[in-house]
Amino acid sequence: MDDPDAMDLGHDDLTGEIAGWEHARCNRSAGARKGNALRAAKGHPVQAAARPPKPDDGRHWVWCDVTGEWGPSSGVW
Protein backbone atom coordinates (compact mmCIF):
# COMPACT_ATOMS: atom_id res chain seq x y z
CA MET A 1 0.00 0.00 0.00
CA ASP A 2 3.03 2.23 -0.38
CA ASP A 3 2.37 2.94 -4.07
CA PRO A 4 -0.22 5.76 -4.41
CA ASP A 5 -0.88 4.73 -8.03
CA ALA A 6 -2.11 1.34 -6.79
CA MET A 7 -4.65 2.88 -4.39
CA ASP A 8 -8.29 3.96 -4.74
CA LEU A 9 -10.41 5.93 -2.30
CA GLY A 10 -13.11 3.46 -1.33
CA HIS A 11 -16.65 4.06 -0.16
CA ASP A 12 -19.51 2.15 1.42
CA ASP A 13 -22.07 1.35 -1.28
CA LEU A 14 -24.96 1.43 1.19
CA THR A 15 -24.22 4.70 3.00
CA GLY A 16 -21.95 6.49 0.52
CA GLU A 17 -19.47 7.15 3.35
CA ILE A 18 -15.80 7.26 2.47
CA ALA A 19 -14.25 4.04 3.75
CA GLY A 20 -10.61 5.01 3.24
CA TRP A 21 -7.78 3.92 0.99
CA GLU A 22 -8.05 0.48 -0.60
CA HIS A 23 -5.99 -1.55 -3.03
CA ALA A 24 -7.14 -0.40 -6.50
CA ARG A 25 -7.44 -4.02 -7.63
CA CYS A 26 -9.68 -4.92 -4.68
CA ASN A 27 -11.84 -1.81 -5.04
CA ARG A 28 -12.35 -2.30 -8.76
CA SER A 29 -13.02 -6.02 -8.36
CA ALA A 30 -15.72 -5.15 -5.84
CA GLY A 31 -17.32 -2.81 -8.39
CA ALA A 32 -17.24 -5.54 -11.01
CA ARG A 33 -18.80 -8.02 -8.57
CA LYS A 34 -21.58 -5.55 -7.76
CA GLY A 35 -22.28 -4.99 -11.46
CA ASN A 36 -22.31 -8.74 -12.08
CA ALA A 37 -24.74 -9.26 -9.18
CA LEU A 38 -27.06 -6.57 -10.55
CA ARG A 39 -27.00 -8.18 -13.98
CA ALA A 40 -27.62 -11.62 -12.47
CA ALA A 41 -30.63 -10.25 -10.56
CA LYS A 42 -32.06 -8.98 -13.85
CA GLY A 43 -31.83 -12.42 -15.43
CA HIS A 44 -28.39 -12.24 -16.99
CA PRO A 45 -26.37 -15.47 -16.76
CA VAL A 46 -23.54 -13.97 -14.64
CA GLN A 47 -23.49 -15.30 -11.08
CA ALA A 48 -22.37 -13.18 -8.12
CA ALA A 49 -19.45 -14.52 -6.07
CA ALA A 50 -20.22 -15.61 -2.50
CA ARG A 51 -18.16 -14.34 0.42
CA PRO A 52 -18.36 -14.61 4.19
CA PRO A 53 -20.31 -11.93 6.06
CA LYS A 54 -18.53 -8.65 6.81
CA PRO A 55 -17.34 -8.34 10.44
CA ASP A 56 -19.75 -6.32 12.55
CA ASP A 57 -17.51 -4.55 15.05
CA GLY A 58 -18.11 -0.90 14.14
CA ARG A 59 -15.00 -0.54 11.97
CA HIS A 60 -14.88 0.00 8.20
CA TRP A 61 -14.19 -3.24 6.35
CA VAL A 62 -13.37 -3.84 2.67
CA TRP A 63 -13.25 -7.06 0.71
CA CYS A 64 -9.88 -7.88 -0.85
CA ASP A 65 -9.80 -10.22 -3.83
CA VAL A 66 -6.03 -10.57 -3.44
CA THR A 67 -6.31 -12.21 0.00
CA GLY A 68 -9.88 -13.48 -0.37
CA GLU A 69 -10.96 -12.00 2.96
CA TRP A 70 -12.32 -8.91 4.69
CA GLY A 71 -9.68 -6.41 5.77
CA PRO A 72 -9.95 -3.27 7.88
CA SER A 73 -9.91 -0.02 5.93
CA SER A 74 -7.86 2.91 7.16
CA GLY A 75 -10.92 5.16 7.17
CA VAL A 76 -8.46 7.99 6.44
CA TRP A 77 -8.89 10.09 3.31
PDB file of N, CA and C in Angstrom:
ATOM      1  N   MET A   1       0.816  -1.178   0.000  1.00  0.00           N
ATOM      2  CA  MET A   1       0.000   0.000   0.000  1.00  0.00           C
ATOM      3  C   MET A   1       0.871   1.257   0.000  1.00  0.00           C
ATOM      4  N   ASP A   2       2.135   1.085  -0.330  1.00  0.00           N
ATOM      5  CA  ASP A   2       3.035   2.227  -0.382  1.00  0.00           C
ATOM      6  C   ASP A   2       2.989   2.962  -1.712  1.00  0.00           C
ATOM      7  N   ASP A   3       2.406   2.342  -2.743  1.00  0.00           N
ATOM      8  CA  ASP A   3       2.365   2.943  -4.069  1.00  0.00           C
ATOM      9  C   ASP A   3       1.036   3.669  -4.267  1.00  0.00           C
ATOM     10  N   PRO A   4       1.041   5.025  -4.278  1.00  0.00           N
ATOM     11  CA  PRO A   4      -0.219   5.757  -4.415  1.00  0.00           C
ATOM     12  C   PRO A   4      -0.956   5.469  -5.717  1.00  0.00           C
ATOM     13  N   ASP A   5      -0.232   5.042  -6.757  1.00  0.00           N
ATOM     14  CA  ASP A   5      -0.884   4.726  -8.027  1.00  0.00           C
ATOM     15  C   ASP A   5      -1.671   3.426  -7.955  1.00  0.00           C
ATOM     16  N   ALA A   6      -1.415   2.617  -6.943  1.00  0.00           N
ATOM     17  CA  ALA A   6      -2.112   1.342  -6.791  1.00  0.00           C
ATOM     18  C   ALA A   6      -3.249   1.443  -5.778  1.00  0.00           C
ATOM     19  N   MET A   7      -3.641   2.677  -5.421  1.00  0.00           N
ATOM     20  CA  MET A   7      -4.653   2.875  -4.392  1.00  0.00           C
ATOM     21  C   MET A   7      -5.878   3.595  -4.969  1.00  0.00           C
ATOM     22  N   ASP A   8      -7.041   3.267  -4.431  1.00  0.00           N
ATOM     23  CA  ASP A   8      -8.292   3.956  -4.739  1.00  0.00           C
ATOM     24  C   ASP A   8      -8.895   4.428  -3.420  1.00  0.00           C
ATOM     25  N   LEU A   9      -9.666   5.487  -3.473  1.00  0.00           N
ATOM     26  CA  LEU A   9     -10.407   5.926  -2.299  1.00  0.00           C
ATOM     27  C   LEU A   9     -11.735   5.189  -2.305  1.00  0.00           C
ATOM     28  N   GLY A  10     -11.920   4.291  -1.367  1.00  0.00           N
ATOM     29  CA  GLY A  10     -13.115   3.456  -1.334  1.00  0.00           C
ATOM     30  C   GLY A  10     -14.263   4.115  -0.593  1.00  0.00           C
ATOM     31  N   HIS A  11     -15.461   3.579  -0.835  1.00  0.00           N
ATOM     32  CA  HIS A  11     -16.653   4.065  -0.162  1.00  0.00           C
ATOM     33  C   HIS A  11     -17.580   2.905   0.139  1.00  0.00           C
ATOM     34  N   ASP A  12     -18.484   3.133   1.067  1.00  0.00           N
ATOM     35  CA  ASP A  12     -19.506   2.153   1.418  1.00  0.00           C
ATOM     36  C   ASP A  12     -20.660   2.320   0.444  1.00  0.00           C
ATOM     37  N   ASP A  13     -21.004   1.266  -0.281  1.00  0.00           N
ATOM     38  CA  ASP A  13     -22.071   1.352  -1.285  1.00  0.00           C
ATOM     39  C   ASP A  13     -23.441   1.629  -0.674  1.00  0.00           C
ATOM     40  N   LEU A  14     -23.652   1.233   0.566  1.00  0.00           N
ATOM     41  CA  LEU A  14     -24.960   1.430   1.193  1.00  0.00           C
ATOM     42  C   LEU A  14     -25.139   2.848   1.717  1.00  0.00           C
ATOM     43  N   THR A  15     -24.091   3.386   2.358  1.00  0.00           N
ATOM     44  CA  THR A  15     -24.222   4.698   2.995  1.00  0.00           C
ATOM     45  C   THR A  15     -23.595   5.824   2.177  1.00  0.00           C
ATOM     46  N   GLY A  16     -22.671   5.474   1.277  1.00  0.00           N
ATOM     47  CA  GLY A  16     -21.953   6.489   0.521  1.00  0.00           C
ATOM     48  C   GLY A  16     -20.782   7.083   1.281  1.00  0.00           C
ATOM     49  N   GLU A  17     -20.577   6.642   2.530  1.00  0.00           N
ATOM     50  CA  GLU A  17     -19.471   7.150   3.346  1.00  0.00           C
ATOM     51  C   GLU A  17     -18.138   6.730   2.759  1.00  0.00           C
ATOM     52  N   ILE A  18     -17.151   7.601   2.873  1.00  0.00           N
ATOM     53  CA  ILE A  18     -15.795   7.264   2.471  1.00  0.00           C
ATOM     54  C   ILE A  18     -15.272   6.211   3.441  1.00  0.00           C
ATOM     55  N   ALA A  19     -14.751   5.120   2.915  1.00  0.00           N
ATOM     56  CA  ALA A  19     -14.246   4.035   3.747  1.00  0.00           C
ATOM     57  C   ALA A  19     -12.740   4.124   3.940  1.00  0.00           C
ATOM     58  N   GLY A  20     -12.052   4.876   3.107  1.00  0.00           N
ATOM     59  CA  GLY A  20     -10.607   5.006   3.236  1.00  0.00           C
ATOM     60  C   GLY A  20      -9.894   4.440   2.023  1.00  0.00           C
ATOM     61  N   TRP A  21      -8.590   4.415   2.104  1.00  0.00           N
ATOM     62  CA  TRP A  21      -7.776   3.920   0.993  1.00  0.00           C
ATOM     63  C   TRP A  21      -7.864   2.409   0.891  1.00  0.00           C
ATOM     64  N   GLU A  22      -7.961   1.919  -0.325  1.00  0.00           N
ATOM     65  CA  GLU A  22      -8.049   0.483  -0.599  1.00  0.00           C
ATOM     66  C   GLU A  22      -7.133   0.160  -1.762  1.00  0.00           C
ATOM     67  N   HIS A  23      -6.725  -1.114  -1.844  1.00  0.00           N
ATOM     68  CA  HIS A  23      -5.994  -1.551  -3.032  1.00  0.00           C
ATOM     69  C   HIS A  23      -6.888  -1.294  -4.246  1.00  0.00           C
ATOM     70  N   ALA A  24      -6.349  -0.690  -5.292  1.00  0.00           N
ATOM     71  CA  ALA A  24      -7.139  -0.402  -6.496  1.00  0.00           C
ATOM     72  C   ALA A  24      -7.742  -1.681  -7.059  1.00  0.00           C
ATOM     73  N   ARG A  25      -6.947  -2.750  -7.078  1.00  0.00           N
ATOM     74  CA  ARG A  25      -7.438  -4.017  -7.633  1.00  0.00           C
ATOM     75  C   ARG A  25      -8.643  -4.534  -6.842  1.00  0.00           C
ATOM     76  N   CYS A  26      -8.564  -4.452  -5.519  1.00  0.00           N
ATOM     77  CA  CYS A  26      -9.676  -4.922  -4.680  1.00  0.00           C
ATOM     78  C   CYS A  26     -10.913  -4.057  -4.886  1.00  0.00           C
ATOM     79  N   ASN A  27     -10.723  -2.735  -4.884  1.00  0.00           N
ATOM     80  CA  ASN A  27     -11.837  -1.812  -5.043  1.00  0.00           C
ATOM     81  C   ASN A  27     -12.536  -2.017  -6.384  1.00  0.00           C
ATOM     82  N   ARG A  28     -11.767  -2.152  -7.433  1.00  0.00           N
ATOM     83  CA  ARG A  28     -12.355  -2.300  -8.765  1.00  0.00           C
ATOM     84  C   ARG A  28     -12.982  -3.676  -8.947  1.00  0.00           C
ATOM     85  N   SER A  29     -12.405  -4.686  -8.311  1.00  0.00           N
ATOM     86  CA  SER A  29     -13.021  -6.016  -8.361  1.00  0.00           C
ATOM     87  C   SER A  29     -14.370  -5.999  -7.660  1.00  0.00           C
ATOM     88  N   ALA A  30     -14.447  -5.259  -6.556  1.00  0.00           N
ATOM     89  CA  ALA A  30     -15.725  -5.153  -5.837  1.00  0.00           C
ATOM     90  C   ALA A  30     -16.772  -4.492  -6.717  1.00  0.00           C
ATOM     91  N   GLY A  31     -16.381  -3.463  -7.473  1.00  0.00           N
ATOM     92  CA  GLY A  31     -17.316  -2.814  -8.390  1.00  0.00           C
ATOM     93  C   GLY A  31     -17.788  -3.758  -9.478  1.00  0.00           C
ATOM     94  N   ALA A  32     -16.870  -4.561  -9.986  1.00  0.00           N
ATOM     95  CA  ALA A  32     -17.242  -5.539 -11.012  1.00  0.00           C
ATOM     96  C   ALA A  32     -18.198  -6.578 -10.441  1.00  0.00           C
ATOM     97  N   ARG A  33     -17.921  -7.041  -9.207  1.00  0.00           N
ATOM     98  CA  ARG A  33     -18.805  -8.017  -8.566  1.00  0.00           C
ATOM     99  C   ARG A  33     -20.203  -7.445  -8.380  1.00  0.00           C
ATOM    100  N   LYS A  34     -20.275  -6.172  -7.962  1.00  0.00           N
ATOM    101  CA  LYS A  34     -21.581  -5.547  -7.764  1.00  0.00           C
ATOM    102  C   LYS A  34     -22.337  -5.466  -9.088  1.00  0.00           C
ATOM    103  N   GLY A  35     -21.650  -5.050 -10.152  1.00  0.00           N
ATOM    104  CA  GLY A  35     -22.284  -4.991 -11.465  1.00  0.00           C
ATOM    105  C   GLY A  35     -22.751  -6.354 -11.930  1.00  0.00           C
ATOM    106  N   ASN A  36     -21.929  -7.374 -11.695  1.00  0.00           N
ATOM    107  CA  ASN A  36     -22.307  -8.739 -12.076  1.00  0.00           C
ATOM    108  C   ASN A  36     -23.540  -9.196 -11.297  1.00  0.00           C
ATOM    109  N   ALA A  37     -23.584  -8.862 -10.007  1.00  0.00           N
ATOM    110  CA  ALA A  37     -24.739  -9.259  -9.181  1.00  0.00           C
ATOM    111  C   ALA A  37     -26.006  -8.564  -9.671  1.00  0.00           C
ATOM    112  N   LEU A  38     -25.890  -7.287 -10.033  1.00  0.00           N
ATOM    113  CA  LEU A  38     -27.065  -6.569 -10.545  1.00  0.00           C
ATOM    114  C   LEU A  38     -27.552  -7.182 -11.854  1.00  0.00           C
ATOM    115  N   ARG A  39     -26.601  -7.539 -12.717  1.00  0.00           N
ATOM    116  CA  ARG A  39     -27.001  -8.183 -13.981  1.00  0.00           C
ATOM    117  C   ARG A  39     -27.626  -9.546 -13.729  1.00  0.00           C
ATOM    118  N   ALA A  40     -27.072 -10.297 -12.784  1.00  0.00           N
ATOM    119  CA  ALA A  40     -27.623 -11.623 -12.468  1.00  0.00           C
ATOM    120  C   ALA A  40     -29.044 -11.492 -11.928  1.00  0.00           C
ATOM    121  N   ALA A  41     -29.290 -10.458 -11.125  1.00  0.00           N
ATOM    122  CA  ALA A  41     -30.625 -10.246 -10.559  1.00  0.00           C
ATOM    123  C   ALA A  41     -31.641  -9.895 -11.645  1.00  0.00           C
ATOM    124  N   LYS A  42     -31.160  -9.352 -12.747  1.00  0.00           N
ATOM    125  CA  LYS A  42     -32.056  -8.983 -13.853  1.00  0.00           C
ATOM    126  C   LYS A  42     -32.175 -10.094 -14.882  1.00  0.00           C
ATOM    127  N   GLY A  43     -31.671 -11.289 -14.543  1.00  0.00           N
ATOM    128  CA  GLY A  43     -31.830 -12.423 -15.434  1.00  0.00           C
ATOM    129  C   GLY A  43     -30.646 -12.701 -16.336  1.00  0.00           C
ATOM    130  N   HIS A  44     -29.579 -11.944 -16.199  1.00  0.00           N
ATOM    131  CA  HIS A  44     -28.388 -12.238 -16.986  1.00  0.00           C
ATOM    132  C   HIS A  44     -27.714 -13.474 -16.413  1.00  0.00           C
ATOM    133  N   PRO A  45     -26.949 -14.212 -17.221  1.00  0.00           N
ATOM    134  CA  PRO A  45     -26.368 -15.470 -16.760  1.00  0.00           C
ATOM    135  C   PRO A  45     -25.184 -15.340 -15.812  1.00  0.00           C
ATOM    136  N   VAL A  46     -24.699 -14.137 -15.512  1.00  0.00           N
ATOM    137  CA  VAL A  46     -23.536 -13.967 -14.637  1.00  0.00           C
ATOM    138  C   VAL A  46     -23.950 -14.202 -13.196  1.00  0.00           C
ATOM    139  N   GLN A  47     -23.198 -14.990 -12.481  1.00  0.00           N
ATOM    140  CA  GLN A  47     -23.488 -15.299 -11.081  1.00  0.00           C
ATOM    141  C   GLN A  47     -22.590 -14.471 -10.163  1.00  0.00           C
ATOM    142  N   ALA A  48     -23.147 -13.947  -9.088  1.00  0.00           N
ATOM    143  CA  ALA A  48     -22.372 -13.180  -8.116  1.00  0.00           C
ATOM    144  C   ALA A  48     -21.551 -14.131  -7.246  1.00  0.00           C
ATOM    145  N   ALA A  49     -20.328 -13.712  -6.916  1.00  0.00           N
ATOM    146  CA  ALA A  49     -19.451 -14.524  -6.071  1.00  0.00           C
ATOM    147  C   ALA A  49     -19.905 -14.437  -4.619  1.00  0.00           C
ATOM    148  N   ALA A  50     -19.845 -15.574  -3.915  1.00  0.00           N
ATOM    149  CA  ALA A  50     -20.217 -15.607  -2.500  1.00  0.00           C
ATOM    150  C   ALA A  50     -19.001 -15.247  -1.653  1.00  0.00           C
ATOM    151  N   ARG A  51     -19.236 -14.645  -0.511  1.00  0.00           N
ATOM    152  CA  ARG A  51     -18.157 -14.336   0.418  1.00  0.00           C
ATOM    153  C   ARG A  51     -18.714 -14.385   1.829  1.00  0.00           C
ATOM    154  N   PRO A  52     -17.870 -14.574   2.807  1.00  0.00           N
ATOM    155  CA  PRO A  52     -18.357 -14.606   4.190  1.00  0.00           C
ATOM    156  C   PRO A  52     -18.906 -13.245   4.600  1.00  0.00           C
ATOM    157  N   PRO A  53     -19.750 -13.213   5.616  1.00  0.00           N
ATOM    158  CA  PRO A  53     -20.306 -11.930   6.057  1.00  0.00           C
ATOM    159  C   PRO A  53     -19.221 -10.973   6.546  1.00  0.00           C
ATOM    160  N   LYS A  54     -19.470  -9.679   6.357  1.00  0.00           N
ATOM    161  CA  LYS A  54     -18.527  -8.653   6.806  1.00  0.00           C
ATOM    162  C   LYS A  54     -18.541  -8.606   8.332  1.00  0.00           C
ATOM    163  N   PRO A  55     -17.371  -8.471   8.972  1.00  0.00           N
ATOM    164  CA  PRO A  55     -17.338  -8.343  10.438  1.00  0.00           C
ATOM    165  C   PRO A  55     -18.193  -7.169  10.901  1.00  0.00           C
ATOM    166  N   ASP A  56     -18.846  -7.344  12.028  1.00  0.00           N
ATOM    167  CA  ASP A  56     -19.746  -6.322  12.552  1.00  0.00           C
ATOM    168  C   ASP A  56     -19.214  -5.819  13.888  1.00  0.00           C
ATOM    169  N   ASP A  57     -18.119  -5.051  13.819  1.00  0.00           N
ATOM    170  CA  ASP A  57     -17.515  -4.552  15.052  1.00  0.00           C
ATOM    171  C   ASP A  57     -17.383  -3.029  15.065  1.00  0.00           C
ATOM    172  N   GLY A  58     -18.113  -2.354  14.159  1.00  0.00           N
ATOM    173  CA  GLY A  58     -18.106  -0.904  14.141  1.00  0.00           C
ATOM    174  C   GLY A  58     -17.009  -0.274  13.301  1.00  0.00           C
ATOM    175  N   ARG A  59     -16.059  -1.087  12.819  1.00  0.00           N
ATOM    176  CA  ARG A  59     -14.995  -0.538  11.973  1.00  0.00           C
ATOM    177  C   ARG A  59     -15.407  -0.617  10.511  1.00  0.00           C
ATOM    178  N   HIS A  60     -14.669   0.097   9.648  1.00  0.00           N
ATOM    179  CA  HIS A  60     -14.877   0.005   8.203  1.00  0.00           C
ATOM    180  C   HIS A  60     -14.122  -1.212   7.687  1.00  0.00           C
ATOM    181  N   TRP A  61     -14.807  -2.054   6.917  1.00  0.00           N
ATOM    182  CA  TRP A  61     -14.187  -3.242   6.349  1.00  0.00           C
ATOM    183  C   TRP A  61     -14.335  -3.217   4.838  1.00  0.00           C
ATOM    184  N   VAL A  62     -13.329  -3.725   4.126  1.00  0.00           N
ATOM    185  CA  VAL A  62     -13.371  -3.836   2.674  1.00  0.00           C
ATOM    186  C   VAL A  62     -12.977  -5.251   2.280  1.00  0.00           C
ATOM    187  N   TRP A  63     -13.580  -5.744   1.225  1.00  0.00           N
ATOM    188  CA  TRP A  63     -13.253  -7.062   0.712  1.00  0.00           C
ATOM    189  C   TRP A  63     -12.018  -6.956  -0.178  1.00  0.00           C
ATOM    190  N   CYS A  64     -11.095  -7.877  -0.042  1.00  0.00           N
ATOM    191  CA  CYS A  64      -9.876  -7.877  -0.846  1.00  0.00           C
ATOM    192  C   CYS A  64      -9.826  -9.169  -1.653  1.00  0.00           C
ATOM    193  N   ASP A  65      -9.881  -9.042  -2.975  1.00  0.00           N
ATOM    194  CA  ASP A  65      -9.797 -10.223  -3.828  1.00  0.00           C
ATOM    195  C   ASP A  65      -8.402 -10.834  -3.830  1.00  0.00           C
ATOM    196  N   VAL A  66      -7.394 -10.049  -3.473  1.00  0.00           N
ATOM    197  CA  VAL A  66      -6.030 -10.570  -3.439  1.00  0.00           C
ATOM    198  C   VAL A  66      -5.898 -11.615  -2.331  1.00  0.00           C
ATOM    199  N   THR A  67      -6.407 -11.283  -1.130  1.00  0.00           N
ATOM    200  CA  THR A  67      -6.306 -12.208  -0.002  1.00  0.00           C
ATOM    201  C   THR A  67      -7.538 -13.099   0.141  1.00  0.00           C
ATOM    202  N   GLY A  68      -8.655 -12.703  -0.484  1.00  0.00           N
ATOM    203  CA  GLY A  68      -9.884 -13.479  -0.368  1.00  0.00           C
ATOM    204  C   GLY A  68     -10.529 -13.365   0.996  1.00  0.00           C
ATOM    205  N   GLU A  69     -10.370 -12.186   1.632  1.00  0.00           N
ATOM    206  CA  GLU A  69     -10.957 -12.004   2.958  1.00  0.00           C
ATOM    207  C   GLU A  69     -11.250 -10.532   3.213  1.00  0.00           C
ATOM    208  N   TRP A  70     -12.032 -10.276   4.273  1.00  0.00           N
ATOM    209  CA  TRP A  70     -12.318  -8.910   4.690  1.00  0.00           C
ATOM    210  C   TRP A  70     -11.078  -8.351   5.368  1.00  0.00           C
ATOM    211  N   GLY A  71     -10.805  -7.078   5.115  1.00  0.00           N
ATOM    212  CA  GLY A  71      -9.684  -6.406   5.772  1.00  0.00           C
ATOM    213  C   GLY A  71     -10.129  -5.051   6.265  1.00  0.00           C
ATOM    214  N   PRO A  72      -9.558  -4.585   7.390  1.00  0.00           N
ATOM    215  CA  PRO A  72      -9.946  -3.269   7.885  1.00  0.00           C
ATOM    216  C   PRO A  72      -9.455  -2.179   6.958  1.00  0.00           C
ATOM    217  N   SER A  73     -10.290  -1.182   6.746  1.00  0.00           N
ATOM    218  CA  SER A  73      -9.914  -0.017   5.931  1.00  0.00           C
ATOM    219  C   SER A  73      -9.344   1.042   6.866  1.00  0.00           C
ATOM    220  N   SER A  74      -8.474   1.862   6.341  1.00  0.00           N
ATOM    221  CA  SER A  74      -7.864   2.910   7.164  1.00  0.00           C
ATOM    222  C   SER A  74      -8.898   3.919   7.631  1.00  0.00           C
ATOM    223  N   GLY A  75      -9.935   4.153   6.830  1.00  0.00           N
ATOM    224  CA  GLY A  75     -10.917   5.165   7.168  1.00  0.00           C
ATOM    225  C   GLY A  75     -10.362   6.568   7.051  1.00  0.00           C
ATOM    226  N   VAL A  76      -9.115   6.688   6.585  1.00  0.00           N
ATOM    227  CA  VAL A  76      -8.456   7.989   6.436  1.00  0.00           C
ATOM    228  C   VAL A  76      -8.499   8.384   4.968  1.00  0.00           C
ATOM    229  N   TRP A  77      -8.848   9.625   4.695  1.00  0.00           N
ATOM    230  CA  TRP A  77      -8.892  10.092   3.309  1.00  0.00           C
ATOM    231  C   TRP A  77      -8.490  11.512   3.220  1.00  0.00           C
TER     232      TRP A  77
END
